[in-house]
Amino acid sequence: MSSSEWQKSSYSASNNECVEVRARGEVVELRESDDPGTSLGVDLAAFASLLKSIKAGGFERLA
């Protein structure tokens, strides 16, 4: 990621119920679009691990 602008998935609905991400240096920030004042920052390796787990279906049983 190379942008400091908040981005959301193209799969997200237009009703602001999504997770947004942005890169700020070596940190990736995540927030819920309906609560933009609160964000979580993780390093690039942790974010890559999260994406890998999501793509592998690692969180499906939690839904």
N, C-alpha and C. Protein backbone atom coordinates (compact mmCIF):
# COMPACT_ATOMS: atom_id res chain seq x y z
N MET A 1 0.85 -1.18 0.00
CA MET A 1 0.00 0.00 0.00
C MET A 1 0.89 1.23 0.00
N SER A 2 0.49 2.22 -0.74
CA SER A 2 1.31 3.42 -0.82
C SER A 2 0.53 4.70 -0.61
N SER A 3 -0.73 4.61 -0.24
CA SER A 3 -1.56 5.80 -0.12
C SER A 3 -1.88 6.10 1.33
N SER A 4 -1.96 7.39 1.67
CA SER A 4 -2.38 7.77 3.01
C SER A 4 -3.87 8.11 3.05
N GLU A 5 -4.56 7.91 1.93
CA GLU A 5 -6.01 8.11 1.87
C GLU A 5 -6.73 6.85 2.31
N TRP A 6 -7.85 7.01 3.00
CA TRP A 6 -8.65 5.85 3.40
C TRP A 6 -9.24 5.20 2.16
N GLN A 7 -9.18 3.87 2.11
CA GLN A 7 -9.71 3.10 1.00
C GLN A 7 -10.65 2.03 1.53
N LYS A 8 -11.70 1.73 0.77
CA LYS A 8 -12.56 0.63 1.15
C LYS A 8 -12.69 -0.33 -0.02
N SER A 9 -13.07 -1.52 0.29
CA SER A 9 -13.19 -2.56 -0.71
C SER A 9 -14.26 -2.22 -1.73
N SER A 10 -14.02 -2.62 -2.96
CA SER A 10 -15.04 -2.43 -3.99
C SER A 10 -16.24 -3.33 -3.74
N TYR A 11 -16.11 -4.31 -2.85
CA TYR A 11 -17.22 -5.19 -2.49
C TYR A 11 -18.15 -4.55 -1.46
N SER A 12 -17.71 -3.44 -0.87
CA SER A 12 -18.51 -2.78 0.17
C SER A 12 -19.72 -2.09 -0.44
N ALA A 13 -20.79 -2.10 0.32
CA ALA A 13 -22.00 -1.38 -0.10
C ALA A 13 -21.77 0.11 0.07
N SER A 14 -22.61 0.90 -0.52
CA SER A 14 -22.46 2.35 -0.44
C SER A 14 -23.07 2.93 0.83
N ASN A 15 -23.51 2.07 1.77
CA ASN A 15 -24.16 2.56 2.97
C ASN A 15 -23.21 2.73 4.16
N ASN A 16 -21.91 2.81 3.91
CA ASN A 16 -20.90 3.06 4.93
C ASN A 16 -20.85 1.99 6.02
N GLU A 17 -21.05 0.75 5.67
CA GLU A 17 -20.89 -0.35 6.61
C GLU A 17 -19.74 -1.22 6.13
N CYS A 18 -18.53 -0.70 6.29
CA CYS A 18 -17.37 -1.42 5.78
C CYS A 18 -16.14 -1.08 6.61
N VAL A 19 -15.09 -1.83 6.36
CA VAL A 19 -13.80 -1.55 6.97
C VAL A 19 -12.98 -0.79 5.94
N GLU A 20 -12.33 0.27 6.39
CA GLU A 20 -11.47 1.06 5.52
C GLU A 20 -10.02 0.90 5.98
N VAL A 21 -9.09 1.01 5.06
CA VAL A 21 -7.67 0.90 5.38
C VAL A 21 -6.90 2.04 4.74
N ARG A 22 -5.75 2.34 5.35
CA ARG A 22 -4.81 3.28 4.74
C ARG A 22 -3.42 2.99 5.26
N ALA A 23 -2.44 3.31 4.45
CA ALA A 23 -1.05 3.13 4.83
C ALA A 23 -0.47 4.47 5.26
N ARG A 24 0.23 4.45 6.36
CA ARG A 24 0.92 5.65 6.87
C ARG A 24 2.31 5.22 7.27
N GLY A 25 3.23 5.37 6.34
CA GLY A 25 4.59 4.91 6.58
C GLY A 25 4.64 3.40 6.65
N GLU A 26 5.15 2.87 7.76
CA GLU A 26 5.26 1.43 7.95
C GLU A 26 4.06 0.85 8.69
N VAL A 27 3.00 1.65 8.86
CA VAL A 27 1.82 1.23 9.61
C VAL A 27 0.61 1.21 8.68
N VAL A 28 -0.22 0.19 8.82
CA VAL A 28 -1.50 0.11 8.13
C VAL A 28 -2.57 0.36 9.17
N GLU A 29 -3.45 1.31 8.91
CA GLU A 29 -4.53 1.62 9.83
C GLU A 29 -5.84 1.06 9.29
N LEU A 30 -6.67 0.58 10.20
CA LEU A 30 -7.99 0.05 9.84
C LEU A 30 -9.03 0.77 10.68
N ARG A 31 -10.20 1.01 10.11
CA ARG A 31 -11.29 1.61 10.85
C ARG A 31 -12.62 1.17 10.24
N GLU A 32 -13.68 1.30 11.03
CA GLU A 32 -15.03 1.08 10.50
C GLU A 32 -15.52 2.40 9.96
N SER A 33 -16.13 2.37 8.80
CA SER A 33 -16.56 3.62 8.18
C SER A 33 -17.62 4.35 8.99
N ASP A 34 -18.40 3.61 9.79
CA ASP A 34 -19.43 4.28 10.59
C ASP A 34 -18.89 4.80 11.92
N ASP A 35 -17.58 4.59 12.20
CA ASP A 35 -16.91 5.13 13.39
C ASP A 35 -15.53 5.63 12.99
N PRO A 36 -15.45 6.67 12.16
CA PRO A 36 -14.16 7.09 11.61
C PRO A 36 -13.18 7.68 12.63
N GLY A 37 -13.64 7.97 13.82
CA GLY A 37 -12.74 8.53 14.83
C GLY A 37 -11.89 7.51 15.54
N THR A 38 -12.17 6.24 15.34
CA THR A 38 -11.43 5.16 15.99
C THR A 38 -10.73 4.32 14.95
N SER A 39 -9.44 4.12 15.12
CA SER A 39 -8.71 3.28 14.17
C SER A 39 -7.73 2.38 14.91
N LEU A 40 -7.30 1.35 14.23
CA LEU A 40 -6.33 0.39 14.75
C LEU A 40 -5.14 0.38 13.81
N GLY A 41 -3.94 0.53 14.35
CA GLY A 41 -2.74 0.52 13.53
C GLY A 41 -1.94 -0.75 13.74
N VAL A 42 -1.51 -1.37 12.65
CA VAL A 42 -0.69 -2.58 12.71
C VAL A 42 0.48 -2.43 11.73
N ASP A 43 1.54 -3.19 11.98
CA ASP A 43 2.66 -3.13 11.04
C ASP A 43 2.32 -3.92 9.78
N LEU A 44 3.11 -3.73 8.75
CA LEU A 44 2.84 -4.36 7.46
C LEU A 44 2.80 -5.88 7.53
N ALA A 45 3.66 -6.48 8.33
CA ALA A 45 3.68 -7.94 8.44
C ALA A 45 2.40 -8.46 9.08
N ALA A 46 1.91 -7.77 10.11
CA ALA A 46 0.66 -8.20 10.75
C ALA A 46 -0.51 -8.05 9.79
N PHE A 47 -0.53 -6.98 9.01
CA PHE A 47 -1.62 -6.77 8.05
C PHE A 47 -1.58 -7.84 6.96
N ALA A 48 -0.39 -8.16 6.48
CA ALA A 48 -0.26 -9.21 5.46
C ALA A 48 -0.73 -10.56 6.01
N SER A 49 -0.42 -10.85 7.27
CA SER A 49 -0.87 -12.08 7.90
C SER A 49 -2.39 -12.11 8.04
N LEU A 50 -2.98 -10.99 8.40
CA LEU A 50 -4.44 -10.89 8.49
C LEU A 50 -5.09 -11.17 7.14
N LEU A 51 -4.59 -10.53 6.08
CA LEU A 51 -5.15 -10.75 4.75
C LEU A 51 -5.01 -12.21 4.31
N LYS A 52 -3.87 -12.80 4.60
CA LYS A 52 -3.66 -14.21 4.25
C LYS A 52 -4.68 -15.10 4.95
N SER A 53 -4.93 -14.84 6.23
CA SER A 53 -5.90 -15.63 6.99
C SER A 53 -7.32 -15.44 6.46
N ILE A 54 -7.66 -14.21 6.11
CA ILE A 54 -9.00 -13.93 5.57
C ILE A 54 -9.19 -14.67 4.25
N LYS A 55 -8.21 -14.57 3.37
CA LYS A 55 -8.31 -15.23 2.07
C LYS A 55 -8.37 -16.74 2.18
N ALA A 56 -7.77 -17.29 3.23
CA ALA A 56 -7.78 -18.74 3.44
C ALA A 56 -9.05 -19.22 4.14
N GLY A 57 -9.94 -18.28 4.46
CA GLY A 57 -11.20 -18.65 5.11
C GLY A 57 -11.06 -18.84 6.61
N GLY A 58 -10.01 -18.32 7.20
CA GLY A 58 -9.75 -18.50 8.60
C GLY A 58 -10.74 -17.88 9.56
N PHE A 59 -11.63 -17.02 9.08
CA PHE A 59 -12.57 -16.35 9.96
C PHE A 59 -14.02 -16.70 9.63
N GLU A 60 -14.25 -17.61 8.74
CA GLU A 60 -15.62 -17.95 8.32
C GLU A 60 -16.44 -18.51 9.47
N ARG A 61 -15.85 -19.27 10.33
CA ARG A 61 -16.62 -19.87 11.42
C ARG A 61 -17.01 -18.84 12.48
N LEU A 62 -16.43 -17.65 12.43
CA LEU A 62 -16.76 -16.58 13.39
C LEU A 62 -17.94 -15.73 12.93
N ALA A 63 -18.34 -15.88 11.69
CA ALA A 63 -19.42 -15.03 11.16
C ALA A 63 -20.77 -15.46 11.65
